[in-house]
């Protein structure tokens, strides 16, 4: 895998993690502010949510 492909894959993973975190946050809190904050943390929030549920 070339470094350009790896970079694109990493960006896609980060983007998906943020989108997933925003979706989970909205379904739990119904708050745009929390969705923005937790979208910033991305995969960290997704993993936290998975471990605490």
PDB file of N, CA and C in Angstrom:
ATOM      1  N   UNK A   1       0.852  -1.170   0.000  1.00  0.00           N
ATOM      2  CA  UNK A   1       0.000   0.000   0.000  1.00  0.00           C
ATOM      3  C   UNK A   1       0.898   1.235   0.000  1.00  0.00           C
ATOM      4  N   UNK A   2       0.660   2.144  -0.913  1.00  0.00           N
ATOM      5  CA  UNK A   2       1.468   3.359  -0.973  1.00  0.00           C
ATOM      6  C   UNK A   2       1.073   4.307   0.159  1.00  0.00           C
ATOM      7  N   UNK A   3       1.929   5.273   0.430  1.00  0.00           N
ATOM      8  CA  UNK A   3       1.641   6.193   1.527  1.00  0.00           C
ATOM      9  C   UNK A   3       0.425   7.072   1.213  1.00  0.00           C
ATOM     10  N   UNK A   4       0.182   7.369  -0.059  1.00  0.00           N
ATOM     11  CA  UNK A   4      -0.996   8.163  -0.426  1.00  0.00           C
ATOM     12  C   UNK A   4      -2.268   7.376  -0.133  1.00  0.00           C
ATOM     13  N   UNK A   5      -2.269   6.077  -0.458  1.00  0.00           N
ATOM     14  CA  UNK A   5      -3.440   5.249  -0.166  1.00  0.00           C
ATOM     15  C   UNK A   5      -3.641   5.092   1.333  1.00  0.00           C
ATOM     16  N   UNK A   6      -2.555   4.930   2.074  1.00  0.00           N
ATOM     17  CA  UNK A   6      -2.650   4.805   3.523  1.00  0.00           C
ATOM     18  C   UNK A   6      -3.186   6.096   4.135  1.00  0.00           C
ATOM     19  N   UNK A   7      -2.735   7.231   3.623  1.00  0.00           N
ATOM     20  CA  UNK A   7      -3.209   8.515   4.118  1.00  0.00           C
ATOM     21  C   UNK A   7      -4.702   8.693   3.845  1.00  0.00           C
ATOM     22  N   UNK A   8      -5.146   8.322   2.660  1.00  0.00           N
ATOM     23  CA  UNK A   8      -6.570   8.416   2.331  1.00  0.00           C
ATOM     24  C   UNK A   8      -7.397   7.484   3.202  1.00  0.00           C
ATOM     25  N   UNK A   9      -6.892   6.281   3.462  1.00  0.00           N
ATOM     26  CA  UNK A   9      -7.603   5.338   4.315  1.00  0.00           C
ATOM     27  C   UNK A   9      -7.702   5.863   5.742  1.00  0.00           C
ATOM     28  N   UNK A  10      -6.632   6.469   6.236  1.00  0.00           N
ATOM     29  CA  UNK A  10      -6.648   7.028   7.588  1.00  0.00           C
ATOM     30  C   UNK A  10      -7.655   8.174   7.689  1.00  0.00           C
ATOM     31  N   UNK A  11      -7.680   9.034   6.692  1.00  0.00           N
ATOM     32  CA  UNK A  11      -8.634  10.149   6.692  1.00  0.00           C
ATOM     33  C   UNK A  11     -10.065   9.637   6.642  1.00  0.00           C
ATOM     34  N   UNK A  12     -10.310   8.597   5.848  1.00  0.00           N
ATOM     35  CA  UNK A  12     -11.657   8.026   5.761  1.00  0.00           C
ATOM     36  C   UNK A  12     -12.060   7.417   7.097  1.00  0.00           C
ATOM     37  N   UNK A  13     -11.122   6.751   7.768  1.00  0.00           N
ATOM     38  CA  UNK A  13     -11.408   6.164   9.076  1.00  0.00           C
ATOM     39  C   UNK A  13     -11.703   7.213  10.121  1.00  0.00           C
ATOM     40  N   UNK A  14     -10.944   8.302  10.096  1.00  0.00           N
ATOM     41  CA  UNK A  14     -11.174   9.395  11.038  1.00  0.00           C
ATOM     42  C   UNK A  14     -12.530  10.034  10.762  1.00  0.00           C
ATOM     43  N   UNK A  15     -12.845  10.242   9.495  1.00  0.00           N
ATOM     44  CA  UNK A  15     -14.138  10.830   9.131  1.00  0.00           C
ATOM     45  C   UNK A  15     -15.301   9.954   9.536  1.00  0.00           C
ATOM     46  N   UNK A  16     -15.155   8.643   9.339  1.00  0.00           N
ATOM     47  CA  UNK A  16     -16.219   7.717   9.733  1.00  0.00           C
ATOM     48  C   UNK A  16     -16.367   7.686  11.247  1.00  0.00           C
ATOM     49  N   UNK A  17     -15.252   7.722  11.970  1.00  0.00           N
ATOM     50  CA  UNK A  17     -15.307   7.734  13.432  1.00  0.00           C
ATOM     51  C   UNK A  17     -16.025   8.962  13.956  1.00  0.00           C
ATOM     52  N   UNK A  18     -15.757  10.102  13.356  1.00  0.00           N
ATOM     53  CA  UNK A  18     -16.433  11.336  13.771  1.00  0.00           C
ATOM     54  C   UNK A  18     -17.925  11.276  13.464  1.00  0.00           C
ATOM     55  N   UNK A  19     -18.266  10.789  12.284  1.00  0.00           N
ATOM     56  CA  UNK A  19     -19.686  10.682  11.915  1.00  0.00           C
ATOM     57  C   UNK A  19     -20.415   9.711  12.842  1.00  0.00           C
ATOM     58  N   UNK A  20     -19.779   8.606  13.176  1.00  0.00           N
ATOM     59  CA  UNK A  20     -20.381   7.633  14.081  1.00  0.00           C
ATOM     60  C   UNK A  20     -20.542   8.220  15.477  1.00  0.00           C
ATOM     61  N   UNK A  21     -19.534   8.942  15.953  1.00  0.00           N
ATOM     62  CA  UNK A  21     -19.612   9.574  17.272  1.00  0.00           C
ATOM     63  C   UNK A  21     -20.734  10.603  17.323  1.00  0.00           C
ATOM     64  N   UNK A  22     -20.885  11.396  16.272  1.00  0.00           N
ATOM     65  CA  UNK A  22     -21.961  12.393  16.218  1.00  0.00           C
ATOM     66  C   UNK A  22     -23.324  11.718  16.233  1.00  0.00           C
ATOM     67  N   UNK A  23     -23.459  10.634  15.483  1.00  0.00           N
ATOM     68  CA  UNK A  23     -24.734   9.905  15.432  1.00  0.00           C
ATOM     69  C   UNK A  23     -25.085   9.306  16.787  1.00  0.00           C
ATOM     70  N   UNK A  24     -24.121   8.670  17.428  1.00  0.00           N
ATOM     71  CA  UNK A  24     -24.363   8.084  18.750  1.00  0.00           C
ATOM     72  C   UNK A  24     -24.701   9.184  19.746  1.00  0.00           C
ATOM     73  N   UNK A  25     -23.931  10.261  19.725  1.00  0.00           N
ATOM     74  CA  UNK A  25     -24.168  11.357  20.653  1.00  0.00           C
ATOM     75  C   UNK A  25     -25.557  11.943  20.481  1.00  0.00           C
ATOM     76  N   UNK A  26     -25.972  12.150  19.250  1.00  0.00           N
ATOM     77  CA  UNK A  26     -27.305  12.718  19.010  1.00  0.00           C
ATOM     78  C   UNK A  26     -28.393  11.779  19.511  1.00  0.00           C
ATOM     79  N   UNK A  27     -28.225  10.479  19.286  1.00  0.00           N
ATOM     80  CA  UNK A  27     -29.252   9.532  19.718  1.00  0.00           C
ATOM     81  C   UNK A  27     -29.348   9.452  21.241  1.00  0.00           C
ATOM     82  N   UNK A  28     -28.248   9.705  21.941  1.00  0.00           N
ATOM     83  CA  UNK A  28     -28.243   9.631  23.401  1.00  0.00           C
ATOM     84  C   UNK A  28     -28.662  10.951  24.032  1.00  0.00           C
ATOM     85  N   UNK A  29     -28.134  12.081  23.540  1.00  0.00           N
ATOM     86  CA  UNK A  29     -28.313  13.367  24.215  1.00  0.00           C
ATOM     87  C   UNK A  29     -29.253  14.342  23.509  1.00  0.00           C
ATOM     88  N   UNK A  30     -29.510  14.191  22.229  1.00  0.00           N
ATOM     89  CA  UNK A  30     -30.271  15.147  21.429  1.00  0.00           C
ATOM     90  C   UNK A  30     -29.774  16.579  21.627  1.00  0.00           C
ATOM     91  N   UNK A  31     -28.452  16.749  21.619  1.00  0.00           N
ATOM     92  CA  UNK A  31     -27.845  18.051  21.816  1.00  0.00           C
ATOM     93  C   UNK A  31     -26.796  18.297  20.734  1.00  0.00           C
ATOM     94  N   UNK A  32     -26.930  19.417  20.044  1.00  0.00           N
ATOM     95  CA  UNK A  32     -25.964  19.738  18.994  1.00  0.00           C
ATOM     96  C   UNK A  32     -24.593  20.010  19.603  1.00  0.00           C
ATOM     97  N   UNK A  33     -24.547  20.681  20.744  1.00  0.00           N
ATOM     98  CA  UNK A  33     -23.271  20.973  21.385  1.00  0.00           C
ATOM     99  C   UNK A  33     -22.526  19.684  21.734  1.00  0.00           C
ATOM    100  N   UNK A  34     -23.219  18.729  22.367  1.00  0.00           N
ATOM    101  CA  UNK A  34     -22.567  17.450  22.694  1.00  0.00           C
ATOM    102  C   UNK A  34     -22.156  16.715  21.426  1.00  0.00           C
ATOM    103  N   UNK A  35     -22.969  16.763  20.394  1.00  0.00           N
ATOM    104  CA  UNK A  35     -22.628  16.092  19.136  1.00  0.00           C
ATOM    105  C   UNK A  35     -21.347  16.670  18.538  1.00  0.00           C
ATOM    106  N   UNK A  36     -21.192  17.981  18.594  1.00  0.00           N
ATOM    107  CA  UNK A  36     -19.975  18.620  18.073  1.00  0.00           C
ATOM    108  C   UNK A  36     -18.763  18.223  18.904  1.00  0.00           C
ATOM    109  N   UNK A  37     -18.902  18.293  20.221  1.00  0.00           N
ATOM    110  CA  UNK A  37     -17.780  17.955  21.105  1.00  0.00           C
ATOM    111  C   UNK A  37     -17.373  16.496  20.915  1.00  0.00           C
ATOM    112  N   UNK A  38     -18.351  15.594  20.931  1.00  0.00           N
ATOM    113  CA  UNK A  38     -18.023  14.181  20.816  1.00  0.00           C
ATOM    114  C   UNK A  38     -17.608  13.808  19.397  1.00  0.00           C
ATOM    115  N   UNK A  39     -18.077  14.544  18.399  1.00  0.00           N
ATOM    116  CA  UNK A  39     -17.595  14.341  17.041  1.00  0.00           C
ATOM    117  C   UNK A  39     -16.126  14.703  16.914  1.00  0.00           C
ATOM    118  N   UNK A  40     -15.689  15.700  17.680  1.00  0.00           N
ATOM    119  CA  UNK A  40     -14.275  16.086  17.684  1.00  0.00           C
ATOM    120  C   UNK A  40     -13.405  14.946  18.208  1.00  0.00           C
ATOM    121  N   UNK A  41     -13.883  14.236  19.222  1.00  0.00           N
ATOM    122  CA  UNK A  41     -13.125  13.130  19.797  1.00  0.00           C
ATOM    123  C   UNK A  41     -13.247  11.840  18.983  1.00  0.00           C
ATOM    124  N   UNK A  42     -14.249  11.741  18.132  1.00  0.00           N
ATOM    125  CA  UNK A  42     -14.377  10.643  17.178  1.00  0.00           C
ATOM    126  C   UNK A  42     -14.327   9.255  17.775  1.00  0.00           C
ATOM    127  N   UNK A  43     -13.323   8.469  17.347  1.00  0.00           N
ATOM    128  CA  UNK A  43     -13.220   7.066  17.745  1.00  0.00           C
ATOM    129  C   UNK A  43     -13.085   6.907  19.254  1.00  0.00           C
ATOM    130  N   UNK A  44     -12.493   7.885  19.946  1.00  0.00           N
ATOM    131  CA  UNK A  44     -12.371   7.773  21.402  1.00  0.00           C
ATOM    132  C   UNK A  44     -13.751   7.705  22.046  1.00  0.00           C
ATOM    133  N   UNK A  45     -14.676   8.532  21.579  1.00  0.00           N
ATOM    134  CA  UNK A  45     -16.032   8.502  22.129  1.00  0.00           C
ATOM    135  C   UNK A  45     -16.748   7.223  21.732  1.00  0.00           C
ATOM    136  N   UNK A  46     -16.564   6.763  20.514  1.00  0.00           N
ATOM    137  CA  UNK A  46     -17.211   5.528  20.060  1.00  0.00           C
ATOM    138  C   UNK A  46     -16.753   4.358  20.933  1.00  0.00           C
ATOM    139  N   UNK A  47     -15.465   4.260  21.201  1.00  0.00           N
ATOM    140  CA  UNK A  47     -14.932   3.182  22.039  1.00  0.00           C
ATOM    141  C   UNK A  47     -15.444   3.326  23.469  1.00  0.00           C
ATOM    142  N   UNK A  48     -15.451   4.542  23.985  1.00  0.00           N
ATOM    143  CA  UNK A  48     -15.982   4.786  25.331  1.00  0.00           C
ATOM    144  C   UNK A  48     -17.445   4.350  25.416  1.00  0.00           C
ATOM    145  N   UNK A  49     -18.236   4.730  24.434  1.00  0.00           N
ATOM    146  CA  UNK A  49     -19.654   4.368  24.416  1.00  0.00           C
ATOM    147  C   UNK A  49     -19.817   2.846  24.395  1.00  0.00           C
ATOM    148  N   UNK A  50     -19.028   2.172  23.565  1.00  0.00           N
ATOM    149  CA  UNK A  50     -19.121   0.721  23.450  1.00  0.00           C
ATOM    150  C   UNK A  50     -18.745   0.027  24.767  1.00  0.00           C
ATOM    151  N   UNK A  51     -17.751   0.571  25.460  1.00  0.00           N
ATOM    152  CA  UNK A  51     -17.308  -0.057  26.703  1.00  0.00           C
ATOM    153  C   UNK A  51     -18.248   0.212  27.874  1.00  0.00           C
ATOM    154  N   UNK A  52     -18.984   1.315  27.829  1.00  0.00           N
ATOM    155  CA  UNK A  52     -19.846   1.670  28.967  1.00  0.00           C
ATOM    156  C   UNK A  52     -21.297   1.256  28.773  1.00  0.00           C
ATOM    157  N   UNK A  53     -21.651   0.715  27.645  1.00  0.00           N
ATOM    158  CA  UNK A  53     -23.034   0.278  27.425  1.00  0.00           C
ATOM    159  C   UNK A  53     -23.168  -1.176  27.629  1.00  0.00           C
TER     160      UNK A  53
END
